[in-house]
């Protein structure tokens, strides 16, 4: 099976500009390709995960990845998939976020000995002269055609700012700059980036008379058609300080039965033959498939030691209700009033619920327990002394746990 055939078999490819040329390049290790990452937060998240896995796959096949950090485009903000304008970030915040991305990417991509490049588009975008850019790039873009792009159509109803309207031009210019500087002949990205990517291939053709190629990656959606990587408390981050290895493991351990095989194909490096065998599994065997998925992905992001800990902690929770490696929420002295704290506050501070109203509903519906005892009183309070030493285990729903202690 060729590299391209494996990508198809794993369900990773959504759209391509020239399939035969792309096959030739990536199957023979001739692709110098890039994927862009705008630094909208100080950590990568599950939404970036598939792109990182694809970069790793193609690098293993001899192709050269370029991870493009959006230090310049991050100053504008991508309107794709947005119903409102992104909050503008300071240059200092953008730089900090870029630094965080670098560290996390190194877990997936080998940057040693020129095997991959890490580039920031601020290098060329921040020094552009506006009038020169208009003359150089402006004639090659049709406003009528740009407005038919899906990323703009979604924003037209609410109002598309001129700032955001320029995003496609900047992303296209990135591809042109990378082609000229590093011989980058291919761009990969999420399927929602298709219009922006076509803008880049067309700009290279018009400006340089050369061919460049684009391929979009299937978006990671669950069986209900919603983007994966979100929990009740927010995004699933790759930074262990934002999403603990245990919570990361639990997210994948708890995917729906209908999604586990798809996630194994798209995200893990297990042989397809092994995954195809799991297609026959059902019932309790699917739980084993979910454990395999959770372990493989946690190992990839956080290392084998943390993956083993998370797996053991999860199993211990299901069998005994407690575990040494359970994620811990620490309360401070100021969280207590007259030596007590209410259960709703504990749920919020331990990130088991996103808000007090959600905590209240969870308690009223019988979904909260302390050390195995269900609590339905929304006014329930806990003495500070109860939380010293080993603390208590608070459970929300069937699979979300926290050990709660006092600092």
Foldseek 3Di string as FASTA:
>chain_A
DFLVVLCVVLQWFDDKDDVVVVSVCQSQLNAEEEEEDELPDLFAFPQCQLVLQVCLSSLVSNHEYEYEYALPLLQQQALQPHQDGDDGDDSVRRVNSLVSHVVQSVLRDPPPPNSYHYYYLCVPNVPDDPVVLCVLQVVQDDPVVLCVQPSNVSHVVVDDDPSNSCSLVSLLVVLVVCCVPPVRQEYEEAPSCVVSRVSNQSSCCVNPVDGGMYIYTYACAAPVRHHPQADQLGGGGLDCVVPNLLNQLLSLLPGDLRCLLSLCSSRAPPDPVVSVVCVPDDDVSSSVSSLVSSLRVSCSRPNNVSSVQSSVQQVCCVVPNGDPSFAAQADEPVCDDPQKHFPLSVCCSVSVHVDSVVSLVQLCVQFKDKQPHTHNDRRDMDGLVCQADQGIWMGGHDRDIYRYHYD
